[in-house]
N, C-alpha and C. Protein backbone atom coordinates (compact mmCIF):
# COMPACT_ATOMS: atom_id res chain seq x y z
N MET A 1 145.56 -49.79 -44.74
CA MET A 1 145.54 -50.62 -45.93
C MET A 1 146.97 -50.83 -46.42
N LYS A 2 147.26 -52.05 -46.80
CA LYS A 2 148.56 -52.41 -47.37
C LYS A 2 148.31 -52.94 -48.78
N ALA A 3 148.83 -52.27 -49.79
CA ALA A 3 148.60 -52.66 -51.18
C ALA A 3 149.13 -54.06 -51.46
N VAL A 4 148.22 -54.95 -51.89
CA VAL A 4 148.59 -56.31 -52.28
C VAL A 4 148.09 -56.51 -53.71
N TYR A 5 149.00 -56.75 -54.64
CA TYR A 5 148.60 -56.97 -56.03
C TYR A 5 148.16 -58.41 -56.24
N GLN A 6 147.28 -58.59 -57.21
CA GLN A 6 146.83 -59.94 -57.50
C GLN A 6 147.99 -60.75 -58.07
N THR A 7 147.99 -62.03 -57.76
CA THR A 7 149.06 -62.92 -58.19
C THR A 7 148.64 -63.79 -59.36
N ASP A 8 147.35 -63.83 -59.65
CA ASP A 8 146.82 -64.58 -60.78
C ASP A 8 146.16 -63.56 -61.70
N LEU A 9 146.69 -63.41 -62.90
CA LEU A 9 146.19 -62.41 -63.85
C LEU A 9 145.43 -63.04 -65.01
N SER A 10 144.94 -64.26 -64.81
CA SER A 10 144.34 -65.02 -65.90
C SER A 10 142.85 -64.73 -66.10
N GLY A 11 142.51 -63.46 -66.26
CA GLY A 11 141.12 -63.10 -66.61
C GLY A 11 140.11 -63.54 -65.59
N ASP A 12 139.13 -64.34 -66.03
CA ASP A 12 138.03 -64.73 -65.14
C ASP A 12 138.49 -65.63 -64.00
N LYS A 13 139.71 -66.10 -64.04
CA LYS A 13 140.25 -66.91 -62.95
C LYS A 13 141.18 -66.10 -62.06
N GLY A 14 141.33 -64.81 -62.31
CA GLY A 14 142.23 -63.97 -61.53
C GLY A 14 141.79 -63.85 -60.08
N ASN A 15 142.67 -63.33 -59.24
CA ASN A 15 142.37 -63.24 -57.81
C ASN A 15 142.36 -61.80 -57.31
N CYS A 16 141.76 -60.90 -58.08
CA CYS A 16 141.68 -59.50 -57.67
C CYS A 16 140.85 -59.33 -56.39
N PHE A 17 139.80 -60.12 -56.23
CA PHE A 17 138.96 -60.03 -55.04
C PHE A 17 139.76 -60.39 -53.79
N GLN A 18 140.51 -61.48 -53.88
CA GLN A 18 141.36 -61.88 -52.76
C GLN A 18 142.42 -60.82 -52.47
N ALA A 19 142.97 -60.20 -53.53
CA ALA A 19 143.98 -59.15 -53.35
C ALA A 19 143.37 -57.94 -52.64
N CYS A 20 142.12 -57.62 -52.95
CA CYS A 20 141.45 -56.50 -52.26
C CYS A 20 141.28 -56.82 -50.77
N LEU A 21 140.84 -58.03 -50.47
CA LEU A 21 140.68 -58.44 -49.07
C LEU A 21 142.02 -58.42 -48.34
N ALA A 22 143.07 -58.94 -48.99
CA ALA A 22 144.40 -58.94 -48.38
C ALA A 22 144.86 -57.51 -48.13
N SER A 23 144.56 -56.61 -49.04
CA SER A 23 144.95 -55.21 -48.89
C SER A 23 144.21 -54.55 -47.74
N ILE A 24 142.91 -54.71 -47.71
CA ILE A 24 142.09 -54.06 -46.68
C ILE A 24 142.43 -54.59 -45.29
N PHE A 25 142.54 -55.90 -45.16
CA PHE A 25 142.75 -56.50 -43.85
C PHE A 25 144.22 -56.72 -43.52
N GLU A 26 145.10 -56.35 -44.46
CA GLU A 26 146.54 -56.44 -44.26
C GLU A 26 146.98 -57.84 -43.84
N ILE A 27 146.55 -58.81 -44.66
CA ILE A 27 146.92 -60.21 -44.44
C ILE A 27 147.51 -60.77 -45.74
N GLU A 28 148.07 -61.95 -45.66
CA GLU A 28 148.67 -62.58 -46.84
C GLU A 28 147.56 -63.05 -47.79
N ILE A 29 147.76 -62.82 -49.07
CA ILE A 29 146.76 -63.22 -50.06
C ILE A 29 146.56 -64.73 -50.06
N GLU A 30 147.62 -65.47 -49.76
CA GLU A 30 147.53 -66.95 -49.75
C GLU A 30 146.63 -67.47 -48.63
N SER A 31 146.36 -66.65 -47.62
CA SER A 31 145.52 -67.10 -46.51
C SER A 31 144.03 -66.93 -46.79
N ILE A 32 143.69 -66.36 -47.95
CA ILE A 32 142.28 -66.10 -48.28
C ILE A 32 141.79 -67.16 -49.26
N PRO A 33 140.69 -67.83 -48.91
CA PRO A 33 140.16 -68.87 -49.80
C PRO A 33 139.68 -68.27 -51.13
N ASP A 34 139.61 -69.11 -52.15
CA ASP A 34 138.98 -68.71 -53.42
C ASP A 34 137.51 -69.07 -53.26
N PHE A 35 136.70 -68.07 -52.94
CA PHE A 35 135.29 -68.29 -52.63
C PHE A 35 134.51 -68.80 -53.83
N ARG A 36 135.02 -68.60 -55.03
CA ARG A 36 134.33 -69.07 -56.25
C ARG A 36 134.30 -70.59 -56.32
N GLU A 37 135.13 -71.25 -55.54
CA GLU A 37 135.14 -72.72 -55.55
C GLU A 37 133.94 -73.31 -54.84
N SER A 38 133.22 -72.48 -54.08
CA SER A 38 132.03 -72.92 -53.35
C SER A 38 130.80 -72.81 -54.24
N ASN A 39 129.81 -73.68 -54.00
CA ASN A 39 128.55 -73.58 -54.74
C ASN A 39 127.82 -72.28 -54.43
N ASP A 40 127.93 -71.81 -53.20
CA ASP A 40 127.32 -70.54 -52.81
C ASP A 40 128.44 -69.63 -52.32
N HIS A 41 129.16 -69.03 -53.26
CA HIS A 41 130.38 -68.30 -52.92
C HIS A 41 130.12 -67.08 -52.03
N MET A 42 128.99 -66.39 -52.18
CA MET A 42 128.73 -65.23 -51.33
C MET A 42 128.46 -65.65 -49.88
N LEU A 43 127.76 -66.75 -49.69
CA LEU A 43 127.52 -67.27 -48.35
C LEU A 43 128.84 -67.72 -47.70
N THR A 44 129.66 -68.39 -48.47
CA THR A 44 130.97 -68.84 -47.96
C THR A 44 131.84 -67.64 -47.61
N PHE A 45 131.82 -66.61 -48.46
CA PHE A 45 132.57 -65.38 -48.19
C PHE A 45 132.07 -64.71 -46.91
N ALA A 46 130.75 -64.62 -46.76
CA ALA A 46 130.18 -63.98 -45.56
C ALA A 46 130.56 -64.75 -44.30
N GLN A 47 130.51 -66.07 -44.37
CA GLN A 47 130.88 -66.88 -43.20
C GLN A 47 132.35 -66.69 -42.85
N TRP A 48 133.21 -66.64 -43.85
CA TRP A 48 134.64 -66.41 -43.62
C TRP A 48 134.86 -65.06 -42.95
N CYS A 49 134.18 -64.03 -43.42
CA CYS A 49 134.31 -62.68 -42.82
C CYS A 49 133.87 -62.68 -41.36
N ARG A 50 132.75 -63.35 -41.08
CA ARG A 50 132.26 -63.41 -39.70
C ARG A 50 133.22 -64.17 -38.81
N ASP A 51 133.67 -65.34 -39.28
CA ASP A 51 134.56 -66.18 -38.48
C ASP A 51 135.94 -65.55 -38.29
N THR A 52 136.45 -64.88 -39.30
CA THR A 52 137.82 -64.36 -39.28
C THR A 52 137.92 -62.98 -38.64
N PHE A 53 136.95 -62.11 -38.92
CA PHE A 53 137.05 -60.72 -38.49
C PHE A 53 135.86 -60.21 -37.68
N GLY A 54 134.81 -61.03 -37.53
CA GLY A 54 133.61 -60.56 -36.83
C GLY A 54 132.87 -59.50 -37.64
N LEU A 55 132.97 -59.60 -38.97
CA LEU A 55 132.34 -58.63 -39.85
C LEU A 55 131.34 -59.31 -40.78
N GLN A 56 130.31 -58.57 -41.16
CA GLN A 56 129.32 -59.04 -42.12
C GLN A 56 129.49 -58.21 -43.39
N PRO A 57 129.78 -58.84 -44.55
CA PRO A 57 129.83 -58.07 -45.79
C PRO A 57 128.42 -57.82 -46.31
N LEU A 58 128.20 -56.60 -46.79
CA LEU A 58 126.92 -56.24 -47.39
C LEU A 58 127.19 -55.77 -48.81
N ASP A 59 126.49 -56.37 -49.77
CA ASP A 59 126.70 -56.10 -51.19
C ASP A 59 125.55 -55.24 -51.71
N TYR A 60 125.88 -54.07 -52.26
CA TYR A 60 124.88 -53.13 -52.75
C TYR A 60 125.17 -52.70 -54.17
N PRO A 61 124.13 -52.46 -54.97
CA PRO A 61 124.38 -51.80 -56.26
C PRO A 61 124.73 -50.33 -55.97
N ILE A 62 125.62 -49.77 -56.76
CA ILE A 62 125.96 -48.35 -56.61
C ILE A 62 124.79 -47.55 -57.18
N PRO A 63 124.24 -46.62 -56.40
CA PRO A 63 123.10 -45.83 -56.89
C PRO A 63 123.47 -45.02 -58.13
N LYS A 64 122.48 -44.77 -58.98
CA LYS A 64 122.72 -43.97 -60.19
C LYS A 64 123.32 -42.62 -59.84
N ASN A 65 122.79 -41.98 -58.80
CA ASN A 65 123.38 -40.73 -58.32
C ASN A 65 124.33 -41.10 -57.18
N SER A 66 125.57 -41.44 -57.54
CA SER A 66 126.51 -41.96 -56.55
C SER A 66 126.88 -40.94 -55.49
N ASP A 67 126.53 -39.67 -55.69
CA ASP A 67 126.79 -38.67 -54.66
C ASP A 67 125.77 -38.75 -53.53
N SER A 68 124.71 -39.54 -53.74
CA SER A 68 123.65 -39.62 -52.73
C SER A 68 124.04 -40.50 -51.54
N TRP A 69 125.01 -41.38 -51.73
CA TRP A 69 125.43 -42.26 -50.64
C TRP A 69 126.88 -42.67 -50.87
N ARG A 70 127.70 -42.42 -49.88
CA ARG A 70 129.10 -42.85 -49.94
C ARG A 70 129.44 -43.55 -48.63
N PRO A 71 129.94 -44.77 -48.71
CA PRO A 71 130.30 -45.47 -47.47
C PRO A 71 131.51 -44.82 -46.81
N ILE A 72 131.61 -45.03 -45.52
CA ILE A 72 132.74 -44.55 -44.75
C ILE A 72 133.70 -45.72 -44.53
N GLY A 73 134.97 -45.48 -44.71
CA GLY A 73 135.96 -46.52 -44.48
C GLY A 73 136.27 -47.30 -45.75
N TYR A 74 137.03 -48.37 -45.58
CA TYR A 74 137.43 -49.20 -46.71
C TYR A 74 136.30 -50.12 -47.14
N HIS A 75 136.23 -50.38 -48.43
CA HIS A 75 135.22 -51.26 -49.02
C HIS A 75 135.76 -51.78 -50.35
N ILE A 76 135.01 -52.68 -50.97
CA ILE A 76 135.39 -53.23 -52.27
C ILE A 76 134.40 -52.73 -53.30
N ILE A 77 134.91 -52.29 -54.44
CA ILE A 77 134.08 -51.84 -55.56
C ILE A 77 134.24 -52.85 -56.67
N LEU A 78 133.10 -53.28 -57.24
CA LEU A 78 133.09 -54.31 -58.28
C LEU A 78 132.43 -53.78 -59.55
N GLY A 79 132.87 -54.30 -60.68
CA GLY A 79 132.27 -53.97 -61.97
C GLY A 79 133.00 -54.71 -63.07
N PRO A 80 132.55 -54.52 -64.31
CA PRO A 80 133.23 -55.20 -65.41
C PRO A 80 134.66 -54.71 -65.57
N ASP A 81 135.52 -55.63 -66.01
CA ASP A 81 136.90 -55.22 -66.26
C ASP A 81 136.99 -54.56 -67.63
N ILE A 82 138.15 -54.02 -67.95
CA ILE A 82 138.31 -53.26 -69.19
C ILE A 82 138.16 -54.12 -70.44
N THR A 83 138.29 -55.44 -70.31
CA THR A 83 138.10 -56.32 -71.47
C THR A 83 136.65 -56.71 -71.65
N GLY A 84 135.84 -56.53 -70.60
CA GLY A 84 134.43 -56.94 -70.66
C GLY A 84 134.22 -58.43 -70.46
N ARG A 85 135.27 -59.17 -70.13
CA ARG A 85 135.17 -60.62 -69.98
C ARG A 85 134.81 -61.08 -68.58
N CYS A 86 135.09 -60.26 -67.58
CA CYS A 86 134.87 -60.70 -66.21
C CYS A 86 134.65 -59.51 -65.29
N THR A 87 134.32 -59.83 -64.04
CA THR A 87 134.15 -58.81 -63.01
C THR A 87 135.50 -58.52 -62.37
N HIS A 88 135.75 -57.24 -62.11
CA HIS A 88 137.00 -56.84 -61.47
C HIS A 88 136.68 -56.19 -60.13
N ALA A 89 137.60 -56.31 -59.18
CA ALA A 89 137.43 -55.73 -57.85
C ALA A 89 138.59 -54.79 -57.55
N VAL A 90 138.25 -53.66 -56.91
CA VAL A 90 139.24 -52.68 -56.47
C VAL A 90 138.91 -52.26 -55.05
N VAL A 91 139.87 -51.63 -54.38
CA VAL A 91 139.65 -51.14 -53.02
C VAL A 91 139.15 -49.71 -53.08
N GLY A 92 138.10 -49.44 -52.31
CA GLY A 92 137.58 -48.09 -52.17
C GLY A 92 137.76 -47.58 -50.75
N LEU A 93 137.81 -46.27 -50.61
CA LEU A 93 137.85 -45.62 -49.31
C LEU A 93 136.93 -44.41 -49.38
N ASN A 94 135.93 -44.42 -48.52
CA ASN A 94 134.95 -43.32 -48.46
C ASN A 94 134.33 -43.03 -49.83
N GLY A 95 134.09 -44.08 -50.61
CA GLY A 95 133.41 -43.94 -51.89
C GLY A 95 134.31 -43.72 -53.09
N ASN A 96 135.61 -43.62 -52.88
CA ASN A 96 136.55 -43.38 -53.98
C ASN A 96 137.50 -44.56 -54.14
N ILE A 97 137.85 -44.86 -55.39
CA ILE A 97 138.84 -45.91 -55.64
C ILE A 97 140.20 -45.44 -55.17
N VAL A 98 140.84 -46.25 -54.32
CA VAL A 98 142.17 -45.89 -53.82
C VAL A 98 143.25 -46.90 -54.23
N PHE A 99 142.84 -48.08 -54.70
CA PHE A 99 143.84 -49.08 -55.09
C PHE A 99 143.22 -50.09 -56.03
N ASP A 100 143.90 -50.33 -57.15
CA ASP A 100 143.52 -51.38 -58.10
C ASP A 100 144.59 -52.46 -58.03
N PRO A 101 144.22 -53.69 -57.66
CA PRO A 101 145.23 -54.74 -57.49
C PRO A 101 145.79 -55.29 -58.80
N PHE A 102 145.27 -54.84 -59.94
CA PHE A 102 145.83 -55.28 -61.22
C PHE A 102 147.08 -54.45 -61.49
N PRO A 103 148.25 -55.09 -61.61
CA PRO A 103 149.49 -54.33 -61.73
C PRO A 103 149.59 -53.52 -63.03
N GLY A 104 149.97 -52.27 -62.87
CA GLY A 104 150.33 -51.44 -64.01
C GLY A 104 149.23 -50.68 -64.71
N VAL A 105 147.99 -51.02 -64.50
CA VAL A 105 146.89 -50.36 -65.21
C VAL A 105 145.62 -50.44 -64.38
N SER A 106 144.74 -49.49 -64.57
CA SER A 106 143.43 -49.57 -63.92
C SER A 106 142.56 -50.50 -64.74
N ALA A 107 142.14 -51.61 -64.16
CA ALA A 107 141.41 -52.62 -64.92
C ALA A 107 139.90 -52.57 -64.72
N LEU A 108 139.40 -51.66 -63.91
CA LEU A 108 137.96 -51.54 -63.68
C LEU A 108 137.38 -50.59 -64.72
N LYS A 109 136.41 -51.09 -65.48
CA LYS A 109 135.80 -50.26 -66.52
C LYS A 109 134.72 -49.35 -65.94
N GLN A 110 133.81 -49.93 -65.14
CA GLN A 110 132.67 -49.18 -64.61
C GLN A 110 132.27 -49.73 -63.25
N PRO A 111 132.35 -48.94 -62.19
CA PRO A 111 131.88 -49.41 -60.88
C PRO A 111 130.38 -49.69 -60.91
N GLU A 112 129.99 -50.87 -60.41
CA GLU A 112 128.56 -51.23 -60.41
C GLU A 112 128.06 -51.64 -59.03
N ARG A 113 128.92 -52.28 -58.25
CA ARG A 113 128.51 -52.79 -56.94
C ARG A 113 129.56 -52.42 -55.91
N ILE A 114 129.12 -52.44 -54.66
CA ILE A 114 130.04 -52.11 -53.57
C ILE A 114 129.79 -53.11 -52.44
N ILE A 115 130.86 -53.55 -51.81
CA ILE A 115 130.76 -54.41 -50.64
C ILE A 115 131.33 -53.65 -49.46
N VAL A 116 130.48 -53.43 -48.47
CA VAL A 116 130.92 -52.77 -47.23
C VAL A 116 130.94 -53.83 -46.13
N PHE A 117 131.63 -53.53 -45.06
CA PHE A 117 131.77 -54.46 -43.94
C PHE A 117 131.22 -53.81 -42.69
N VAL A 118 130.34 -54.52 -42.00
CA VAL A 118 129.81 -54.01 -40.73
C VAL A 118 130.12 -55.00 -39.63
N LYS A 119 130.32 -54.49 -38.43
CA LYS A 119 130.65 -55.33 -37.28
C LYS A 119 129.43 -56.15 -36.87
N VAL A 120 129.66 -57.42 -36.62
CA VAL A 120 128.62 -58.32 -36.15
C VAL A 120 128.51 -58.14 -34.64
N LEU A 121 127.31 -57.86 -34.17
CA LEU A 121 127.08 -57.73 -32.74
C LEU A 121 126.87 -59.09 -32.12
N LYS A 122 127.43 -59.30 -30.99
CA LYS A 122 127.31 -60.62 -30.31
C LYS A 122 126.03 -60.70 -29.53
């Protein structure tokens, strides 16, 4: 993982999700589309992951007893930001937050969802 900070800090228009992807996959943040521009942003994101990396993203709610299941490897953790205005994304490793792309402060208030990546079989 290569830490990439978000370049847009404008609240609900910020690019923390793209910064997490850039960090995990060690690519330039500018090469990642803004999936929110699509009518079906999760489908567009999944297609991009399959086409670019041969991976399928799986989005899960974090169980109430988070010790019951922890993913292995890098993943994205989502939840409300500290202002309560929007969703924030951070990088997780083996179930723990390892990088917050918001510069200078931890901006994730409460982890709620997790996106893991699995290899697509041909």
